């Protein structure tokens, strides 16, 4: 029978699989670029780059994500109650109190990040604080702390950083191909050269698919765990209803960090429009509410 601890172990295993696949994608990009330029040194650089980025994504991913979100520490008297709620929930869950951050954005949303409970971060928007009643806010924070306890944010946060770096290296070398020219004396086979370019172009897409491979079941699990933590599923259900009805996107919304948030940061319309349903980072809000209260 599956338990919270087996779920934690599976998420740690997923992290290693994700990092291994990232290493393979970077190796493929490195080979393609080295072949295109007929320079084996580029492949060596790709190996070193992949190792460094894997280590960086593990140890510093929380700081990178917080920076990307534009979050600031929740300090001062105005955030005393927020910190108190987080601390009480953390004690109830048997977790160390995570660092609490604020995102200055009217859209109601929140996320958790960090490599383990001892280095966890919970961030909420000013819009969430202004819109939620206490029971609703507790439900949202319990959901995020459940991600911490379930070790979900380890997988998700690593995915954010790896996707960003793969996209960066691909864009950099594509730019150099277009504007930097190429040694015309190279005698590489034209078909293989074209395949190399295709691989470089597809690398960010593959990385995105790796990110989307993280199951949306983690949101259902965090909802259920959060409801157990507060003993009041109606609070989280009401919060999800309010968050799901907000139409405008977050100012800091981006595809790399979208799956970290409790709800799609691009707004309700973006979450349910057309073919984007195939690539949703979150389950439909209605399904989540139904799972909580029927």
C-alpha atoms as a PDB file:
ATOM      1  CA  UNK A   1       0.000   0.000   0.000  1.00  0.00           C
ATOM      2  CA  UNK A   2       1.393   3.401  -1.001  1.00  0.00           C
ATOM      3  CA  UNK A   3       2.183   5.832   1.820  1.00  0.00           C
ATOM      4  CA  UNK A   4       3.515   9.363   2.119  1.00  0.00           C
ATOM      5  CA  UNK A   5       7.020   7.944   2.516  1.00  0.00           C
ATOM      6  CA  UNK A   6       6.843   5.840  -0.638  1.00  0.00           C
ATOM      7  CA  UNK A   7       5.594   8.940  -2.465  1.00  0.00           C
ATOM      8  CA  UNK A   8       8.605  10.900  -1.168  1.00  0.00           C
ATOM      9  CA  UNK A   9      10.970   8.159  -2.341  1.00  0.00           C
ATOM     10  CA  UNK A  10       9.350   8.121  -5.777  1.00  0.00           C
ATOM     11  CA  UNK A  11       9.768  11.884  -6.113  1.00  0.00           C
ATOM     12  CA  UNK A  12      13.458  11.672  -5.183  1.00  0.00           C
ATOM     13  CA  UNK A  13      13.840   8.931  -7.813  1.00  0.00           C
ATOM     14  CA  UNK A  14      12.016  11.112 -10.353  1.00  0.00           C
ATOM     15  CA  UNK A  15      14.516  13.887  -9.646  1.00  0.00           C
ATOM     16  CA  UNK A  16      17.458  11.634 -10.487  1.00  0.00           C
ATOM     17  CA  UNK A  17      15.721  10.419 -13.643  1.00  0.00           C
ATOM     18  CA  UNK A  18      14.978  14.008 -14.652  1.00  0.00           C
ATOM     19  CA  UNK A  19      18.567  15.107 -14.083  1.00  0.00           C
ATOM     20  CA  UNK A  20      19.869  12.089 -16.012  1.00  0.00           C
ATOM     21  CA  UNK A  21      17.594  12.870 -18.952  1.00  0.00           C
ATOM     22  CA  UNK A  22      18.696  16.499 -18.803  1.00  0.00           C
ATOM     23  CA  UNK A  23      22.313  15.336 -18.977  1.00  0.00           C
ATOM     24  CA  UNK A  24      21.447  13.228 -22.030  1.00  0.00           C
ATOM     25  CA  UNK A  25      19.703  16.150 -23.771  1.00  0.00           C
ATOM     26  CA  UNK A  26      22.685  18.441 -23.159  1.00  0.00           C
ATOM     27  CA  UNK A  27      25.017  15.736 -24.468  1.00  0.00           C
ATOM     28  CA  UNK A  28      22.906  15.515 -27.607  1.00  0.00           C
ATOM     29  CA  UNK A  29      23.002  19.272 -28.089  1.00  0.00           C
ATOM     30  CA  UNK A  30      26.750  19.290 -27.436  1.00  0.00           C
ATOM     31  CA  UNK A  31      27.334  16.553 -29.995  1.00  0.00           C
ATOM     32  CA  UNK A  32      25.178  18.344 -32.578  1.00  0.00           C
ATOM     33  CA  UNK A  33      26.997  21.649 -32.113  1.00  0.00           C
ATOM     34  CA  UNK A  34      30.457  20.041 -32.090  1.00  0.00           C
ATOM     35  CA  UNK A  35      29.612  18.174 -35.288  1.00  0.00           C
ATOM     36  CA  UNK A  36      28.212  21.282 -36.936  1.00  0.00           C
ATOM     37  CA  UNK A  37      31.356  23.288 -36.159  1.00  0.00           C
ATOM     38  CA  UNK A  38      33.693  20.298 -36.456  1.00  0.00           C
ATOM     39  CA  UNK A  39      35.032  21.120 -32.985  1.00  0.00           C
ATOM     40  CA  UNK A  40      35.165  18.209 -30.451  1.00  0.00           C
ATOM     41  CA  UNK A  41      35.992  20.708 -27.706  1.00  0.00           C
ATOM     42  CA  UNK A  42      32.368  21.854 -27.715  1.00  0.00           C
ATOM     43  CA  UNK A  43      31.239  18.370 -26.659  1.00  0.00           C
ATOM     44  CA  UNK A  44      33.666  18.482 -23.729  1.00  0.00           C
ATOM     45  CA  UNK A  45      32.246  21.867 -22.770  1.00  0.00           C
ATOM     46  CA  UNK A  46      28.734  20.385 -22.898  1.00  0.00           C
ATOM     47  CA  UNK A  47      29.765  17.599 -20.496  1.00  0.00           C
ATOM     48  CA  UNK A  48      31.199  20.082 -17.990  1.00  0.00           C
ATOM     49  CA  UNK A  49      28.209  22.380 -18.468  1.00  0.00           C
ATOM     50  CA  UNK A  50      25.717  19.565 -17.778  1.00  0.00           C
ATOM     51  CA  UNK A  51      27.516  18.534 -14.591  1.00  0.00           C
ATOM     52  CA  UNK A  52      27.730  22.103 -13.289  1.00  0.00           C
ATOM     53  CA  UNK A  53      24.094  22.835 -14.108  1.00  0.00           C
ATOM     54  CA  UNK A  54      22.888  19.642 -12.430  1.00  0.00           C
ATOM     55  CA  UNK A  55      24.696  20.622  -9.232  1.00  0.00           C
ATOM     56  CA  UNK A  56      23.481  24.220  -9.504  1.00  0.00           C
ATOM     57  CA  UNK A  57      19.872  23.194 -10.086  1.00  0.00           C
ATOM     58  CA  UNK A  58      19.942  21.026  -6.976  1.00  0.00           C
ATOM     59  CA  UNK A  59      21.674  23.366  -4.543  1.00  0.00           C
ATOM     60  CA  UNK A  60      20.539  26.807  -5.688  1.00  0.00           C
ATOM     61  CA  UNK A  61      17.223  26.206  -7.442  1.00  0.00           C
ATOM     62  CA  UNK A  62      15.165  27.797  -4.644  1.00  0.00           C
ATOM     63  CA  UNK A  63      17.113  31.061  -4.886  1.00  0.00           C
ATOM     64  CA  UNK A  64      16.829  31.054  -8.684  1.00  0.00           C
ATOM     65  CA  UNK A  65      13.061  30.490  -8.641  1.00  0.00           C
ATOM     66  CA  UNK A  66      12.502  33.162  -5.974  1.00  0.00           C
ATOM     67  CA  UNK A  67      14.482  35.602  -8.123  1.00  0.00           C
ATOM     68  CA  UNK A  68      12.500  34.679 -11.248  1.00  0.00           C
ATOM     69  CA  UNK A  69       9.239  35.282  -9.377  1.00  0.00           C
ATOM     70  CA  UNK A  70      10.375  38.654  -8.064  1.00  0.00           C
ATOM     71  CA  UNK A  71       9.596  37.548  -4.498  1.00  0.00           C
ATOM     72  CA  UNK A  72      10.747  39.421  -1.391  1.00  0.00           C
ATOM     73  CA  UNK A  73      10.995  38.157   2.220  1.00  0.00           C
ATOM     74  CA  UNK A  74       7.746  38.525   4.169  1.00  0.00           C
ATOM     75  CA  UNK A  75       9.162  40.720   6.901  1.00  0.00           C
ATOM     76  CA  UNK A  76       7.588  43.402   9.038  1.00  0.00           C
ATOM     77  CA  UNK A  77       4.492  43.708  11.183  1.00  0.00           C
ATOM     78  CA  UNK A  78       2.089  43.531   8.240  1.00  0.00           C
ATOM     79  CA  UNK A  79       3.132  39.927   7.593  1.00  0.00           C
ATOM     80  CA  UNK A  80       3.172  38.759  11.226  1.00  0.00           C
ATOM     81  CA  UNK A  81      -0.089  36.867  10.881  1.00  0.00           C
ATOM     82  CA  UNK A  82       1.038  35.223   7.628  1.00  0.00           C
ATOM     83  CA  UNK A  83       4.228  33.977   9.279  1.00  0.00           C
ATOM     84  CA  UNK A  84       2.260  32.777  12.301  1.00  0.00           C
ATOM     85  CA  UNK A  85      -0.096  30.723  10.135  1.00  0.00           C
ATOM     86  CA  UNK A  86       2.816  29.156   8.257  1.00  0.00           C
ATOM     87  CA  UNK A  87       4.598  28.348  11.502  1.00  0.00           C
ATOM     88  CA  UNK A  88       1.528  26.747  13.085  1.00  0.00           C
ATOM     89  CA  UNK A  89       0.848  24.626  10.002  1.00  0.00           C
ATOM     90  CA  UNK A  90       4.505  23.592   9.802  1.00  0.00           C
ATOM     91  CA  UNK A  91       4.418  22.470  13.455  1.00  0.00           C
ATOM     92  CA  UNK A  92       1.225  20.490  12.800  1.00  0.00           C
ATOM     93  CA  UNK A  93       2.803  18.858   9.746  1.00  0.00           C
ATOM     94  CA  UNK A  94       6.027  18.081  11.619  1.00  0.00           C
ATOM     95  CA  UNK A  95       8.090  20.264   9.288  1.00  0.00           C
ATOM     96  CA  UNK A  96      10.579  23.059   9.928  1.00  0.00           C
ATOM     97  CA  UNK A  97       9.107  26.483   9.211  1.00  0.00           C
ATOM     98  CA  UNK A  98       9.963  27.427   5.617  1.00  0.00           C
ATOM     99  CA  UNK A  99      11.081  30.882   4.602  1.00  0.00           C
ATOM    100  CA  UNK A 100       8.092  33.003   3.656  1.00  0.00           C
ATOM    101  CA  UNK A 101       8.148  35.352   0.653  1.00  0.00           C
ATOM    102  CA  UNK A 102       5.761  37.886  -0.861  1.00  0.00           C
ATOM    103  CA  UNK A 103       5.183  38.533  -4.561  1.00  0.00           C
ATOM    104  CA  UNK A 104       3.772  41.976  -5.286  1.00  0.00           C
ATOM    105  CA  UNK A 105       1.051  40.932  -7.727  1.00  0.00           C
ATOM    106  CA  UNK A 106      -2.761  41.358  -7.641  1.00  0.00           C
ATOM    107  CA  UNK A 107      -3.367  37.855  -9.008  1.00  0.00           C
ATOM    108  CA  UNK A 108      -4.078  35.355  -6.201  1.00  0.00           C
ATOM    109  CA  UNK A 109      -1.482  32.594  -6.262  1.00  0.00           C
ATOM    110  CA  UNK A 110       1.228  30.814  -4.266  1.00  0.00           C
ATOM    111  CA  UNK A 111       4.054  28.320  -4.680  1.00  0.00           C
ATOM    112  CA  UNK A 112       6.567  26.267  -2.706  1.00  0.00           C
ATOM    113  CA  UNK A 113      10.128  25.545  -3.737  1.00  0.00           C
ATOM    114  CA  UNK A 114      13.407  24.233  -2.326  1.00  0.00           C
ATOM    115  CA  UNK A 115      15.419  21.027  -2.401  1.00  0.00           C
ATOM    116  CA  UNK A 116      14.200  19.687   0.984  1.00  0.00           C
ATOM    117  CA  UNK A 117      12.108  20.734   4.007  1.00  0.00           C
ATOM    118  CA  UNK A 118      15.141  22.349   5.651  1.00  0.00           C
ATOM    119  CA  UNK A 119      15.636  24.664   2.651  1.00  0.00           C
ATOM    120  CA  UNK A 120      12.003  25.197   1.683  1.00  0.00           C
ATOM    121  CA  UNK A 121      10.391  28.445   0.577  1.00  0.00           C
ATOM    122  CA  UNK A 122       6.703  29.341   0.482  1.00  0.00           C
ATOM    123  CA  UNK A 123       5.698  32.416  -1.519  1.00  0.00           C
ATOM    124  CA  UNK A 124       2.280  34.064  -1.783  1.00  0.00           C
ATOM    125  CA  UNK A 125       1.067  37.037  -3.790  1.00  0.00           C
ATOM    126  CA  UNK A 126      -0.311  40.217  -2.300  1.00  0.00           C
ATOM    127  CA  UNK A 127      -3.474  39.486  -4.272  1.00  0.00           C
ATOM    128  CA  UNK A 128      -3.909  36.196  -2.423  1.00  0.00           C
ATOM    129  CA  UNK A 129      -3.552  37.895   0.965  1.00  0.00           C
ATOM    130  CA  UNK A 130      -6.077  40.544   0.032  1.00  0.00           C
ATOM    131  CA  UNK A 131      -8.677  38.129  -1.344  1.00  0.00           C
ATOM    132  CA  UNK A 132      -8.638  35.215   1.098  1.00  0.00           C
ATOM    133  CA  UNK A 133     -10.402  34.718   4.408  1.00  0.00           C
ATOM    134  CA  UNK A 134      -8.255  33.136   7.108  1.00  0.00           C
ATOM    135  CA  UNK A 135      -9.590  29.606   6.566  1.00  0.00           C
ATOM    136  CA  UNK A 136      -8.993  29.923   2.820  1.00  0.00           C
ATOM    137  CA  UNK A 137      -5.466  31.238   3.330  1.00  0.00           C
ATOM    138  CA  UNK A 138      -4.747  28.356   5.703  1.00  0.00           C
ATOM    139  CA  UNK A 139      -5.987  25.939   3.050  1.00  0.00           C
ATOM    140  CA  UNK A 140      -3.648  27.388   0.415  1.00  0.00           C
ATOM    141  CA  UNK A 141      -0.661  27.414   2.764  1.00  0.00           C
ATOM    142  CA  UNK A 142      -1.419  23.851   3.900  1.00  0.00           C
ATOM    143  CA  UNK A 143      -1.459  22.819   0.227  1.00  0.00           C
ATOM    144  CA  UNK A 144       1.979  24.368  -0.292  1.00  0.00           C
ATOM    145  CA  UNK A 145       3.374  22.836   2.893  1.00  0.00           C
ATOM    146  CA  UNK A 146       2.082  19.476   1.658  1.00  0.00           C
ATOM    147  CA  UNK A 147       4.256  19.911  -1.420  1.00  0.00           C
ATOM    148  CA  UNK A 148       7.164  20.435   0.974  1.00  0.00           C
ATOM    149  CA  UNK A 149       6.303  17.336   2.995  1.00  0.00           C
ATOM    150  CA  UNK A 150       5.675  15.224  -0.101  1.00  0.00           C
ATOM    151  CA  UNK A 151       8.992  16.382  -1.635  1.00  0.00           C
ATOM    152  CA  UNK A 152       7.094  17.492  -4.740  1.00  0.00           C
ATOM    153  CA  UNK A 153       8.944  20.775  -4.991  1.00  0.00           C
ATOM    154  CA  UNK A 154      12.299  19.014  -5.384  1.00  0.00           C
ATOM    155  CA  UNK A 155      11.189  17.536  -8.712  1.00  0.00           C
ATOM    156  CA  UNK A 156       9.367  20.672  -9.815  1.00  0.00           C
ATOM    157  CA  UNK A 157      12.103  23.139  -8.906  1.00  0.00           C
ATOM    158  CA  UNK A 158      14.856  21.135 -10.591  1.00  0.00           C
ATOM    159  CA  UNK A 159      12.675  20.994 -13.709  1.00  0.00           C
ATOM    160  CA  UNK A 160      12.410  24.797 -13.750  1.00  0.00           C
ATOM    161  CA  UNK A 161      16.163  25.342 -13.690  1.00  0.00           C
ATOM    162  CA  UNK A 162      17.015  22.586 -16.153  1.00  0.00           C
ATOM    163  CA  UNK A 163      14.455  23.795 -18.664  1.00  0.00           C
ATOM    164  CA  UNK A 164      15.790  27.327 -18.405  1.00  0.00           C
ATOM    165  CA  UNK A 165      19.404  26.310 -18.953  1.00  0.00           C
ATOM    166  CA  UNK A 166      18.645  23.998 -21.876  1.00  0.00           C
ATOM    167  CA  UNK A 167      16.694  26.782 -23.554  1.00  0.00           C
ATOM    168  CA  UNK A 168      19.539  29.210 -22.882  1.00  0.00           C
ATOM    169  CA  UNK A 169      22.270  27.043 -24.380  1.00  0.00           C
ATOM    170  CA  UNK A 170      20.130  26.194 -27.397  1.00  0.00           C
ATOM    171  CA  UNK A 171      19.289  29.847 -28.064  1.00  0.00           C
ATOM    172  CA  UNK A 172      22.936  30.852 -27.671  1.00  0.00           C
ATOM    173  CA  UNK A 173      24.262  28.392 -30.221  1.00  0.00           C
ATOM    174  CA  UNK A 174      21.399  28.943 -32.644  1.00  0.00           C
ATOM    175  CA  UNK A 175      22.218  32.646 -32.537  1.00  0.00           C
ATOM    176  CA  UNK A 176      25.881  31.895 -33.183  1.00  0.00           C
ATOM    177  CA  UNK A 177      24.951  29.681 -36.148  1.00  0.00           C
ATOM    178  CA  UNK A 178      22.797  32.376 -37.716  1.00  0.00           C
ATOM    179  CA  UNK A 179      25.053  35.356 -37.132  1.00  0.00           C
ATOM    180  CA  UNK A 180      28.474  33.869 -36.482  1.00  0.00           C
ATOM    181  CA  UNK A 181      28.944  31.992 -39.689  1.00  0.00           C
ATOM    182  CA  UNK A 182      30.532  28.604 -40.120  1.00  0.00           C
ATOM    183  CA  UNK A 183      33.820  27.203 -41.406  1.00  0.00           C
ATOM    184  CA  UNK A 184      33.013  26.650 -45.068  1.00  0.00           C
ATOM    185  CA  UNK A 185      35.983  24.295 -45.420  1.00  0.00           C
ATOM    186  CA  UNK A 186      34.228  21.738 -43.259  1.00  0.00           C
ATOM    187  CA  UNK A 187      33.337  18.612 -45.231  1.00  0.00           C
ATOM    188  CA  UNK A 188      30.548  17.243 -43.041  1.00  0.00           C
ATOM    189  CA  UNK A 189      27.670  15.414 -44.656  1.00  0.00           C
ATOM    190  CA  UNK A 190      24.863  17.942 -45.325  1.00  0.00           C
ATOM    191  CA  UNK A 191      22.103  15.598 -44.112  1.00  0.00           C
ATOM    192  CA  UNK A 192      23.831  15.027 -40.782  1.00  0.00           C
ATOM    193  CA  UNK A 193      24.445  18.763 -40.504  1.00  0.00           C
ATOM    194  CA  UNK A 194      20.734  19.409 -40.973  1.00  0.00           C
ATOM    195  CA  UNK A 195      19.918  16.751 -38.377  1.00  0.00           C
ATOM    196  CA  UNK A 196      22.292  18.487 -35.973  1.00  0.00           C
ATOM    197  CA  UNK A 197      20.452  21.779 -36.410  1.00  0.00           C
ATOM    198  CA  UNK A 198      17.096  20.033 -35.940  1.00  0.00           C
ATOM    199  CA  UNK A 199      18.333  18.475 -32.688  1.00  0.00           C
ATOM    200  CA  UNK A 200      19.441  21.855 -31.381  1.00  0.00           C
ATOM    201  CA  UNK A 201      16.101  23.420 -32.289  1.00  0.00           C
ATOM    202  CA  UNK A 202      14.142  20.573 -30.679  1.00  0.00           C
ATOM    203  CA  UNK A 203      16.163  20.538 -27.441  1.00  0.00           C
ATOM    204  CA  UNK A 204      14.016  23.170 -25.647  1.00  0.00           C
ATOM    205  CA  UNK A 205      10.867  21.345 -26.758  1.00  0.00           C
ATOM    206  CA  UNK A 206      12.175  18.064 -25.372  1.00  0.00           C
ATOM    207  CA  UNK A 207      13.096  19.823 -22.133  1.00  0.00           C
ATOM    208  CA  UNK A 208       9.585  21.253 -21.905  1.00  0.00           C
ATOM    209  CA  UNK A 209       8.093  17.794 -22.413  1.00  0.00           C
ATOM    210  CA  UNK A 210      10.294  16.512 -19.587  1.00  0.00           C
ATOM    211  CA  UNK A 211       8.855  19.239 -17.391  1.00  0.00           C
ATOM    212  CA  UNK A 212       5.284  18.389 -18.431  1.00  0.00           C
ATOM    213  CA  UNK A 213       6.004  14.731 -17.660  1.00  0.00           C
ATOM    214  CA  UNK A 214       5.771  15.625 -13.976  1.00  0.00           C
ATOM    215  CA  UNK A 215       2.364  14.231 -13.125  1.00  0.00           C
ATOM    216  CA  UNK A 216      -0.542  16.520 -12.313  1.00  0.00           C
ATOM    217  CA  UNK A 217      -1.503  13.998  -9.670  1.00  0.00           C
ATOM    218  CA  UNK A 218       0.867  15.866  -7.341  1.00  0.00           C
ATOM    219  CA  UNK A 219      -1.684  18.696  -7.170  1.00  0.00           C
ATOM    220  CA  UNK A 220      -4.483  16.323  -6.182  1.00  0.00           C
ATOM    221  CA  UNK A 221      -2.221  14.755  -3.544  1.00  0.00           C
ATOM    222  CA  UNK A 222      -1.238  18.166  -2.152  1.00  0.00           C
ATOM    223  CA  UNK A 223      -4.908  19.186  -2.060  1.00  0.00           C
ATOM    224  CA  UNK A 224      -5.798  16.063  -0.103  1.00  0.00           C
ATOM    225  CA  UNK A 225      -2.803  16.364   2.221  1.00  0.00           C
ATOM    226  CA  UNK A 226      -3.522  20.048   2.807  1.00  0.00           C
ATOM    227  CA  UNK A 227      -7.159  19.309   3.648  1.00  0.00           C
ATOM    228  CA  UNK A 228      -6.049  16.677   6.167  1.00  0.00           C
ATOM    229  CA  UNK A 229      -3.630  19.159   7.679  1.00  0.00           C
ATOM    230  CA  UNK A 230      -6.281  21.813   8.324  1.00  0.00           C
ATOM    231  CA  UNK A 231      -9.153  19.338   8.874  1.00  0.00           C
ATOM    232  CA  UNK A 232     -11.253  21.732   6.819  1.00  0.00           C
ATOM    233  CA  UNK A 233     -11.355  20.881   3.098  1.00  0.00           C
ATOM    234  CA  UNK A 234     -13.999  23.572   2.491  1.00  0.00           C
ATOM    235  CA  UNK A 235     -11.366  26.237   3.163  1.00  0.00           C
ATOM    236  CA  UNK A 236      -9.082  25.092   0.360  1.00  0.00           C
ATOM    237  CA  UNK A 237     -12.045  24.416  -1.929  1.00  0.00           C
ATOM    238  CA  UNK A 238     -13.304  27.962  -1.433  1.00  0.00           C
ATOM    239  CA  UNK A 239      -9.809  29.340  -2.043  1.00  0.00           C
ATOM    240  CA  UNK A 240      -9.472  27.346  -5.274  1.00  0.00           C
ATOM    241  CA  UNK A 241     -12.855  28.637  -6.405  1.00  0.00           C
ATOM    242  CA  UNK A 242     -11.730  32.248  -5.918  1.00  0.00           C
ATOM    243  CA  UNK A 243      -8.322  31.665  -7.498  1.00  0.00           C
ATOM    244  CA  UNK A 244      -9.837  29.812 -10.441  1.00  0.00           C
ATOM    245  CA  UNK A 245     -12.245  32.647 -11.193  1.00  0.00           C
ATOM    246  CA  UNK A 246      -9.484  35.258 -11.487  1.00  0.00           C
ATOM    247  CA  UNK A 247      -8.995  36.020 -15.174  1.00  0.00           C
ATOM    248  CA  UNK A 248      -5.878  38.200 -15.384  1.00  0.00           C
ATOM    249  CA  UNK A 249      -2.396  36.640 -15.528  1.00  0.00           C
ATOM    250  CA  UNK A 250       0.372  37.310 -13.035  1.00  0.00           C
ATOM    251  CA  UNK A 251       2.873  39.964 -14.060  1.00  0.00           C
ATOM    252  CA  UNK A 252       5.749  37.576 -13.374  1.00  0.00           C
ATOM    253  CA  UNK A 253       4.124  34.584 -15.097  1.00  0.00           C
ATOM    254  CA  UNK A 254       6.411  32.471 -17.278  1.00  0.00           C
ATOM    255  CA  UNK A 255       6.271  28.954 -18.660  1.00  0.00           C
ATOM    256  CA  UNK A 256       9.320  27.759 -16.729  1.00  0.00           C
ATOM    257  CA  UNK A 257       7.760  28.317 -13.286  1.00  0.00           C
ATOM    258  CA  UNK A 258       4.042  27.928 -14.127  1.00  0.00           C
ATOM    259  CA  UNK A 259       3.762  24.397 -12.748  1.00  0.00           C
ATOM    260  CA  UNK A 260       5.072  25.459  -9.334  1.00  0.00           C
ATOM    261  CA  UNK A 261       2.041  27.607  -8.527  1.00  0.00           C
ATOM    262  CA  UNK A 262      -1.162  26.380  -6.907  1.00  0.00           C
ATOM    263  CA  UNK A 263      -3.029  27.577 -10.017  1.00  0.00           C
ATOM    264  CA  UNK A 264      -2.085  28.496 -13.584  1.00  0.00           C
ATOM    265  CA  UNK A 265      -0.371  31.920 -13.318  1.00  0.00           C
ATOM    266  CA  UNK A 266      -1.554  32.857 -16.826  1.00  0.00           C
ATOM    267  CA  UNK A 267      -5.153  33.180 -15.609  1.00  0.00           C
ATOM    268  CA  UNK A 268      -8.337  31.141 -15.913  1.00  0.00           C
ATOM    269  CA  UNK A 269      -8.851  31.784 -19.642  1.00  0.00           C
ATOM    270  CA  UNK A 270      -5.340  30.676 -20.552  1.00  0.00           C
ATOM    271  CA  UNK A 271      -5.712  27.527 -18.503  1.00  0.00           C
ATOM    272  CA  UNK A 272      -8.748  26.330 -20.442  1.00  0.00           C
ATOM    273  CA  UNK A 273      -8.310  27.679 -23.961  1.00  0.00           C
ATOM    274  CA  UNK A 274      -8.151  25.409 -27.006  1.00  0.00           C
ATOM    275  CA  UNK A 275      -5.278  23.033 -27.485  1.00  0.00           C
ATOM    276  CA  UNK A 276      -3.565  24.337 -24.338  1.00  0.00           C
ATOM    277  CA  UNK A 277      -5.696  21.810 -22.425  1.00  0.00           C
ATOM    278  CA  UNK A 278      -3.293  19.164 -23.702  1.00  0.00           C
ATOM    279  CA  UNK A 279      -0.407  20.925 -21.978  1.00  0.00           C
ATOM    280  CA  UNK A 280      -2.060  22.073 -18.757  1.00  0.00           C
ATOM    281  CA  UNK A 281       0.296  22.176 -15.778  1.00  0.00           C
ATOM    282  CA  UNK A 282      -2.637  21.857 -13.340  1.00  0.00           C
ATOM    283  CA  UNK A 283      -5.802  19.743 -13.187  1.00  0.00           C
ATOM    284  CA  UNK A 284      -9.060  21.640 -13.858  1.00  0.00           C
ATOM    285  CA  UNK A 285     -10.152  23.619 -10.795  1.00  0.00           C
ATOM    286  CA  UNK A 286     -13.600  22.001 -10.878  1.00  0.00           C
ATOM    287  CA  UNK A 287     -12.046  18.540 -10.600  1.00  0.00           C
ATOM    288  CA  UNK A 288      -9.918  19.607  -7.660  1.00  0.00           C
ATOM    289  CA  UNK A 289     -12.879  21.080  -5.804  1.00  0.00           C
ATOM    290  CA  UNK A 290     -14.962  17.982  -6.495  1.00  0.00           C
ATOM    291  CA  UNK A 291     -12.194  15.770  -5.112  1.00  0.00           C
ATOM    292  CA  UNK A 292     -12.112  17.855  -1.941  1.00  0.00           C
ATOM    293  CA  UNK A 293     -15.806  18.211  -1.133  1.00  0.00           C
ATOM    294  CA  UNK A 294     -17.644  16.098  -3.711  1.00  0.00           C
END
